[in-house]
């Protein structure tokens, strides 16, 4: 009996099949390795993107807090800010149409505060508006005393008459004072 089936093509087919299987499994394993590397790189990228978003959010929060901090600090006067505080009080007098003059400034040792004595003069409604503006100022103030009286003076005939000008002396304590 003679074998008519050629062995060489069969052998070549088996070798080609083995080579194809080897190439398939090799490429399959490389693709899986690349997918794992891609997943790791994508996770790292997402973590970094999340960190960048957090940094941007923190920077925005810092900007907001800085604005609020600056606004909050306007309510407190430090020992180096006494002059701007006093200027603010005098500006409020000008807004109210009165004249105000700082007479005394004392730093209170027993209580962290600043005591300010002022003379104010003008029309009654102007003084009232000035006191209201002081009360509603951004500083925390305590009015210790207010003394108001109408000014009297001699007229042309020498009689003492009241004039529509009011004088006042007020003593306030700045409670929001930082030494």
Protein backbone atom coordinates (compact mmCIF):
# COMPACT_ATOMS: atom_id res chain seq x y z
CA UNK A 1 0.00 0.00 0.00
CA UNK A 2 1.27 3.18 -1.01
CA UNK A 3 0.65 6.42 0.78
CA UNK A 4 -0.37 9.07 -1.71
CA UNK A 5 -0.79 11.79 0.84
CA UNK A 6 2.16 14.19 0.71
CA UNK A 7 3.77 14.67 4.07
CA UNK A 8 5.71 17.82 3.34
CA UNK A 9 2.69 20.09 2.84
CA UNK A 10 1.11 18.64 5.97
CA UNK A 11 4.26 19.30 7.92
CA UNK A 12 4.46 22.81 6.54
CA UNK A 13 0.79 23.38 7.40
CA UNK A 14 1.33 22.23 10.98
CA UNK A 15 4.42 24.45 11.35
CA UNK A 16 2.52 27.41 9.90
CA UNK A 17 -0.41 26.66 12.24
CA UNK A 18 1.93 26.50 15.26
CA UNK A 19 3.63 29.71 14.22
CA UNK A 20 0.21 31.40 13.77
CA UNK A 21 -0.94 30.20 17.21
CA UNK A 22 2.29 31.39 18.79
CA UNK A 23 1.96 34.79 17.06
CA UNK A 24 -1.69 35.00 18.09
CA UNK A 25 -0.99 34.30 21.79
CA UNK A 26 2.05 36.58 21.77
CA UNK A 27 0.08 39.47 20.25
CA UNK A 28 -2.90 38.72 22.55
CA UNK A 29 -0.65 38.91 25.61
CA UNK A 30 0.98 42.14 24.36
CA UNK A 31 -2.44 43.70 23.77
CA UNK A 32 -3.51 42.74 27.30
CA UNK A 33 -0.29 44.20 28.72
CA UNK A 34 -0.82 47.40 26.75
CA UNK A 35 -4.44 47.57 27.98
CA UNK A 36 -3.22 47.23 31.58
CA UNK A 37 -0.62 49.95 31.00
CA UNK A 38 -3.30 52.12 29.40
CA UNK A 39 -5.62 51.59 32.41
CA UNK A 40 -2.80 52.56 34.80
CA UNK A 41 -1.93 55.61 32.73
CA UNK A 42 -5.59 56.60 32.51
CA UNK A 43 -5.99 56.22 36.29
CA UNK A 44 -2.90 58.35 36.87
CA UNK A 45 -4.25 60.92 34.44
CA UNK A 46 -7.62 61.00 36.23
CA UNK A 47 -5.91 61.39 39.60
CA UNK A 48 -3.79 64.23 38.24
CA UNK A 49 -6.83 65.87 36.61
CA UNK A 50 -8.69 65.58 39.93
CA UNK A 51 -5.72 67.17 41.72
CA UNK A 52 -5.63 70.00 39.19
CA UNK A 53 -9.36 70.60 39.70
CA UNK A 54 -8.86 70.61 43.48
CA UNK A 55 -5.99 73.09 43.13
CA UNK A 56 -8.15 75.40 40.99
CA UNK A 57 -11.01 75.11 43.47
CA UNK A 58 -8.66 75.86 46.38
CA UNK A 59 -7.21 78.86 44.56
CA UNK A 60 -10.72 80.18 43.95
CA UNK A 61 -11.59 79.57 47.60
CA UNK A 62 -8.45 81.39 48.68
CA UNK A 63 -9.38 84.37 46.51
CA UNK A 64 -12.88 84.43 47.99
CA UNK A 65 -11.54 84.09 51.53
CA UNK A 66 -8.96 86.83 50.94
CA UNK A 67 -11.74 89.19 49.91
CA UNK A 68 -13.79 88.23 52.96
CA UNK A 69 -10.70 88.54 55.16
CA UNK A 70 -10.02 92.04 53.86
CA UNK A 71 -13.65 92.95 54.48
CA UNK A 72 -13.49 91.49 58.00
CA UNK A 73 -10.26 93.32 58.79
CA UNK A 74 -11.97 96.63 58.00
CA UNK A 75 -14.07 96.06 61.13
CA UNK A 76 -10.99 95.95 63.35
CA UNK A 77 -8.53 98.75 63.98
CA UNK A 78 -4.98 97.82 64.84
CA UNK A 79 -2.67 100.02 66.82
CA UNK A 80 -0.99 101.02 63.56
CA UNK A 81 -4.40 101.98 62.07
CA UNK A 82 -5.46 104.59 64.64
CA UNK A 83 -4.96 107.52 62.28
CA UNK A 84 -7.09 106.05 59.45
CA UNK A 85 -9.78 105.24 62.02
CA UNK A 86 -9.78 108.83 63.28
CA UNK A 87 -9.79 110.13 59.72
CA UNK A 88 -12.80 107.93 59.01
CA UNK A 89 -14.65 109.44 61.97
CA UNK A 90 -13.87 112.97 60.77
CA UNK A 91 -14.99 112.06 57.23
CA UNK A 92 -18.30 110.81 58.65
CA UNK A 93 -18.74 114.21 60.29
CA UNK A 94 -18.19 115.88 56.93
CA UNK A 95 -20.76 113.60 55.32
CA UNK A 96 -23.27 114.57 58.01
CA UNK A 97 -22.60 118.27 57.47
CA UNK A 98 -21.01 118.82 60.87
CA UNK A 99 -17.57 119.65 62.09
CA UNK A 100 -15.81 117.14 64.34
CA UNK A 101 -12.51 117.44 66.11
CA UNK A 102 -10.71 114.68 68.00
CA UNK A 103 -9.79 115.94 71.46
CA UNK A 104 -8.32 112.86 73.14
CA UNK A 105 -7.23 109.34 72.30
CA UNK A 106 -6.46 106.83 75.05
CA UNK A 107 -5.50 103.18 74.74
CA UNK A 108 -7.24 101.33 77.56
CA UNK A 109 -4.91 98.87 79.29
CA UNK A 110 -7.45 96.92 81.36
CA UNK A 111 -9.63 96.21 78.35
CA UNK A 112 -8.33 95.96 74.82
CA UNK A 113 -9.99 99.06 73.51
CA UNK A 114 -9.43 102.60 72.41
CA UNK A 115 -11.16 105.58 73.97
CA UNK A 116 -11.73 108.63 71.76
CA UNK A 117 -13.04 112.01 72.93
CA UNK A 118 -14.50 114.31 70.25
CA UNK A 119 -16.04 117.73 69.92
CA UNK A 120 -18.69 118.13 67.27
CA UNK A 121 -20.62 121.18 66.17
CA UNK A 122 -23.33 121.92 63.65
CA UNK A 123 -27.06 121.82 63.24
CA UNK A 124 -29.04 119.40 65.41
CA UNK A 125 -30.05 117.20 62.49
CA UNK A 126 -26.41 117.11 61.31
CA UNK A 127 -25.19 116.03 64.74
CA UNK A 128 -27.91 113.41 64.94
CA UNK A 129 -26.95 112.10 61.49
CA UNK A 130 -23.27 112.06 62.53
CA UNK A 131 -24.07 110.00 65.65
CA UNK A 132 -26.16 107.63 63.55
CA UNK A 133 -23.34 107.22 61.03
CA UNK A 134 -20.93 106.48 63.88
CA UNK A 135 -23.29 103.91 65.31
CA UNK A 136 -23.62 102.21 61.92
CA UNK A 137 -19.93 102.38 61.05
CA UNK A 138 -18.11 99.11 60.33
CA UNK A 139 -16.28 99.43 63.65
CA UNK A 140 -17.74 98.11 66.88
CA UNK A 141 -18.19 101.24 68.96
CA UNK A 142 -19.59 101.83 72.43
CA UNK A 143 -20.86 105.31 73.23
CA UNK A 144 -19.63 106.11 76.73
CA UNK A 145 -21.11 109.60 76.93
CA UNK A 146 -22.78 112.18 74.73
CA UNK A 147 -23.23 115.77 75.91
CA UNK A 148 -25.14 118.10 73.59
CA UNK A 149 -26.23 121.66 74.14
CA UNK A 150 -27.42 124.54 72.04
CA UNK A 151 -25.02 127.40 71.69
CA UNK A 152 -26.00 130.78 73.10
CA UNK A 153 -24.39 134.06 72.34
CA UNK A 154 -25.01 137.79 72.47
CA UNK A 155 -26.93 139.38 69.65
CA UNK A 156 -26.42 142.92 68.37
CA UNK A 157 -28.22 144.42 71.36
CA UNK A 158 -26.10 142.46 73.87
CA UNK A 159 -28.74 139.96 74.94
CA UNK A 160 -27.92 136.27 75.16
CA UNK A 161 -30.00 134.43 72.57
CA UNK A 162 -29.94 130.88 71.36
CA UNK A 163 -28.57 130.26 67.92
CA UNK A 164 -29.42 127.22 65.79
CA UNK A 165 -25.90 125.83 66.26
CA UNK A 166 -25.40 122.83 68.54
CA UNK A 167 -22.20 121.70 70.23
CA UNK A 168 -21.59 118.23 71.47
CA UNK A 169 -18.90 116.30 73.23
CA UNK A 170 -18.89 112.57 72.87
CA UNK A 171 -16.70 109.87 74.23
CA UNK A 172 -16.65 106.57 72.40
CA UNK A 173 -14.83 103.33 72.95
CA UNK A 174 -13.60 101.32 69.99
CA UNK A 175 -14.23 97.72 71.01
CA UNK A 176 -12.75 96.17 67.88
CA UNK A 177 -9.22 97.35 68.61
CA UNK A 178 -6.23 95.03 68.31
CA UNK A 179 -3.04 95.99 70.09
